[in-house]
C-alpha atoms as a PDB file:
ATOM      1  CA  UNK A   1     -12.728   4.090 -12.300  1.00  0.00           C
ATOM      2  CA  UNK A   2     -10.510   4.238  -9.506  1.00  0.00           C
ATOM      3  CA  UNK A   3      -7.211   2.251 -10.658  1.00  0.00           C
ATOM      4  CA  UNK A   4      -5.170   0.961  -7.897  1.00  0.00           C
ATOM      5  CA  UNK A   5      -1.731  -0.075  -9.858  1.00  0.00           C
ATOM      6  CA  UNK A   6      -2.196   3.675 -11.030  1.00  0.00           C
ATOM      7  CA  UNK A   7      -1.494   4.414  -7.435  1.00  0.00           C
ATOM      8  CA  UNK A   8       0.964   2.360  -7.316  1.00  0.00           C
ATOM      9  CA  UNK A   9       3.092   3.368 -10.796  1.00  0.00           C
ATOM     10  CA  UNK A  10       3.070   6.907  -9.522  1.00  0.00           C
ATOM     11  CA  UNK A  11       4.553   6.408  -6.486  1.00  0.00           C
ATOM     12  CA  UNK A  12       7.031   4.201  -7.265  1.00  0.00           C
ATOM     13  CA  UNK A  13       7.601   6.652 -10.249  1.00  0.00           C
ATOM     14  CA  UNK A  14       8.018   9.639  -7.687  1.00  0.00           C
ATOM     15  CA  UNK A  15      10.835   7.067  -5.424  1.00  0.00           C
ATOM     16  CA  UNK A  16       8.249   7.614  -2.853  1.00  0.00           C
ATOM     17  CA  UNK A  17       7.364   4.369  -1.968  1.00  0.00           C
ATOM     18  CA  UNK A  18       8.605   1.606   0.620  1.00  0.00           C
ATOM     19  CA  UNK A  19       8.649  -2.326  -0.960  1.00  0.00           C
ATOM     20  CA  UNK A  20       8.711  -5.235   1.889  1.00  0.00           C
ATOM     21  CA  UNK A  21       7.076  -5.219   5.203  1.00  0.00           C
ATOM     22  CA  UNK A  22      10.094  -4.520   7.746  1.00  0.00           C
ATOM     23  CA  UNK A  23      10.436  -1.593   5.919  1.00  0.00           C
ATOM     24  CA  UNK A  24       6.750  -1.431   5.832  1.00  0.00           C
ATOM     25  CA  UNK A  25       6.550  -1.865   9.839  1.00  0.00           C
ATOM     26  CA  UNK A  26       8.965   0.731  10.047  1.00  0.00           C
ATOM     27  CA  UNK A  27       6.769   3.836   8.550  1.00  0.00           C
ATOM     28  CA  UNK A  28       3.975   2.392   9.648  1.00  0.00           C
ATOM     29  CA  UNK A  29       4.992   2.734  13.167  1.00  0.00           C
ATOM     30  CA  UNK A  30       6.225   5.918  12.582  1.00  0.00           C
ATOM     31  CA  UNK A  31       2.890   7.505  10.849  1.00  0.00           C
ATOM     32  CA  UNK A  32       4.088   8.977   8.420  1.00  0.00           C
ATOM     33  CA  UNK A  33       3.332   7.739   5.116  1.00  0.00           C
ATOM     34  CA  UNK A  34      -0.389   7.982   2.910  1.00  0.00           C
ATOM     35  CA  UNK A  35      -1.071   5.020   2.451  1.00  0.00           C
ATOM     36  CA  UNK A  36      -0.438   0.728   2.755  1.00  0.00           C
ATOM     37  CA  UNK A  37      -0.651  -1.544   0.296  1.00  0.00           C
ATOM     38  CA  UNK A  38      -0.786  -5.535   1.253  1.00  0.00           C
ATOM     39  CA  UNK A  39      -0.949  -8.076  -1.675  1.00  0.00           C
ATOM     40  CA  UNK A  40      -3.839 -11.140  -1.498  1.00  0.00           C
ATOM     41  CA  UNK A  41      -1.683 -13.563   0.484  1.00  0.00           C
ATOM     42  CA  UNK A  42       0.027 -11.413   2.045  1.00  0.00           C
ATOM     43  CA  UNK A  43       1.267 -13.864   5.086  1.00  0.00           C
ATOM     44  CA  UNK A  44      -1.327 -13.948   7.763  1.00  0.00           C
ATOM     45  CA  UNK A  45       0.721 -13.066  10.673  1.00  0.00           C
ATOM     46  CA  UNK A  46       2.375  -9.450   8.727  1.00  0.00           C
ATOM     47  CA  UNK A  47      -1.213  -8.515   8.302  1.00  0.00           C
ATOM     48  CA  UNK A  48      -2.320  -8.363  11.640  1.00  0.00           C
ATOM     49  CA  UNK A  49       0.665  -6.877  12.615  1.00  0.00           C
ATOM     50  CA  UNK A  50       0.391  -3.745  10.079  1.00  0.00           C
ATOM     51  CA  UNK A  51      -2.682  -3.285   9.634  1.00  0.00           C
ATOM     52  CA  UNK A  52      -2.826  -3.401  14.174  1.00  0.00           C
ATOM     53  CA  UNK A  53      -0.045  -0.043  13.087  1.00  0.00           C
ATOM     54  CA  UNK A  54      -2.305   1.355  10.327  1.00  0.00           C
ATOM     55  CA  UNK A  55      -5.333   1.421  12.706  1.00  0.00           C
ATOM     56  CA  UNK A  56      -3.403   3.024  15.387  1.00  0.00           C
ATOM     57  CA  UNK A  57      -1.661   5.654  13.365  1.00  0.00           C
ATOM     58  CA  UNK A  58      -5.149   6.329  11.036  1.00  0.00           C
ATOM     59  CA  UNK A  59      -2.969   4.828   7.350  1.00  0.00           C
ATOM     60  CA  UNK A  60      -5.181   4.163   4.838  1.00  0.00           C
ATOM     61  CA  UNK A  61      -4.579   0.152   4.525  1.00  0.00           C
ATOM     62  CA  UNK A  62      -5.233  -0.304   0.212  1.00  0.00           C
ATOM     63  CA  UNK A  63      -5.819  -4.391  -0.270  1.00  0.00           C
ATOM     64  CA  UNK A  64      -4.270  -5.670  -3.131  1.00  0.00           C
ATOM     65  CA  UNK A  65      -6.619  -7.562  -5.170  1.00  0.00           C
ATOM     66  CA  UNK A  66      -3.442 -10.410  -6.583  1.00  0.00           C
ATOM     67  CA  UNK A  67      -1.180 -11.338  -5.094  1.00  0.00           C
ATOM     68  CA  UNK A  68       2.275 -10.716  -3.957  1.00  0.00           C
ATOM     69  CA  UNK A  69       4.464 -11.367  -7.883  1.00  0.00           C
ATOM     70  CA  UNK A  70       2.120  -9.681  -9.375  1.00  0.00           C
ATOM     71  CA  UNK A  71       2.126  -6.735  -7.392  1.00  0.00           C
ATOM     72  CA  UNK A  72       6.531  -6.686  -7.826  1.00  0.00           C
ATOM     73  CA  UNK A  73       5.291  -7.275 -11.204  1.00  0.00           C
ATOM     74  CA  UNK A  74       2.987  -3.662 -11.033  1.00  0.00           C
ATOM     75  CA  UNK A  75       6.047  -1.974  -8.970  1.00  0.00           C
ATOM     76  CA  UNK A  76       8.417  -2.911 -11.778  1.00  0.00           C
ATOM     77  CA  UNK A  77      10.858  -4.659  -9.452  1.00  0.00           C
ATOM     78  CA  UNK A  78      12.263  -9.088  -9.908  1.00  0.00           C
ATOM     79  CA  UNK A  79      11.194 -10.123  -7.285  1.00  0.00           C
ATOM     80  CA  UNK A  80       7.360 -10.267  -4.910  1.00  0.00           C
ATOM     81  CA  UNK A  81       5.961  -8.169  -3.107  1.00  0.00           C
ATOM     82  CA  UNK A  82       3.960  -8.875   0.117  1.00  0.00           C
ATOM     83  CA  UNK A  83       3.396  -5.618   1.348  1.00  0.00           C
ATOM     84  CA  UNK A  84       4.500  -1.456   0.284  1.00  0.00           C
ATOM     85  CA  UNK A  85       3.785   2.144   1.753  1.00  0.00           C
ATOM     86  CA  UNK A  86       2.876   5.281  -0.039  1.00  0.00           C
ATOM     87  CA  UNK A  87       4.898   7.662   1.626  1.00  0.00           C
ATOM     88  CA  UNK A  88       3.582  11.252   0.113  1.00  0.00           C
ATOM     89  CA  UNK A  89       0.990  10.698  -3.424  1.00  0.00           C
ATOM     90  CA  UNK A  90       2.036  14.527  -4.775  1.00  0.00           C
ATOM     91  CA  UNK A  91      -1.129  14.640  -6.982  1.00  0.00           C
ATOM     92  CA  UNK A  92      -4.498  15.072  -5.751  1.00  0.00           C
ATOM     93  CA  UNK A  93      -6.486  13.268  -8.149  1.00  0.00           C
ATOM     94  CA  UNK A  94      -4.623  10.373  -7.059  1.00  0.00           C
ATOM     95  CA  UNK A  95      -4.921  10.788  -3.724  1.00  0.00           C
ATOM     96  CA  UNK A  96      -9.072  11.931  -4.603  1.00  0.00           C
ATOM     97  CA  UNK A  97      -8.371   7.528  -6.103  1.00  0.00           C
ATOM     98  CA  UNK A  98      -6.713   6.827  -2.832  1.00  0.00           C
ATOM     99  CA  UNK A  99      -9.260   7.718  -0.692  1.00  0.00           C
ATOM    100  CA  UNK A 100     -11.871   5.948  -2.396  1.00  0.00           C
ATOM    101  CA  UNK A 101     -10.504   2.712  -1.876  1.00  0.00           C
ATOM    102  CA  UNK A 102      -9.761   3.121   1.167  1.00  0.00           C
ATOM    103  CA  UNK A 103     -13.761   3.211   0.931  1.00  0.00           C
ATOM    104  CA  UNK A 104     -13.872   0.377  -1.437  1.00  0.00           C
ATOM    105  CA  UNK A 105     -12.171  -1.798   1.196  1.00  0.00           C
ATOM    106  CA  UNK A 106     -13.695  -0.308   4.441  1.00  0.00           C
ATOM    107  CA  UNK A 107     -17.193  -1.137   2.689  1.00  0.00           C
ATOM    108  CA  UNK A 108     -15.944  -5.118   1.739  1.00  0.00           C
END
């Protein structure tokens, strides 16, 4: 079973994550990231910008099906997070989960 929370928590624990829309835009523009995670209620204008850059850089976009407040909780942060970037996924198993999550997102 694929669990996006497991992928997020692994990235947070290893220090391989950036938080926030501005940081995410910079990282996605550079294109050297493993995945982009967007909360369900990420502002639509920011979502369009981030998804556009992600498409240009072939970066997988993972849709977090909960709110930005819940994404903040999943990241063990005391604030809401609308967008976050996973810079690197160390474990092979988690890399496969990201590929499967991306496939499910594209099918929706």
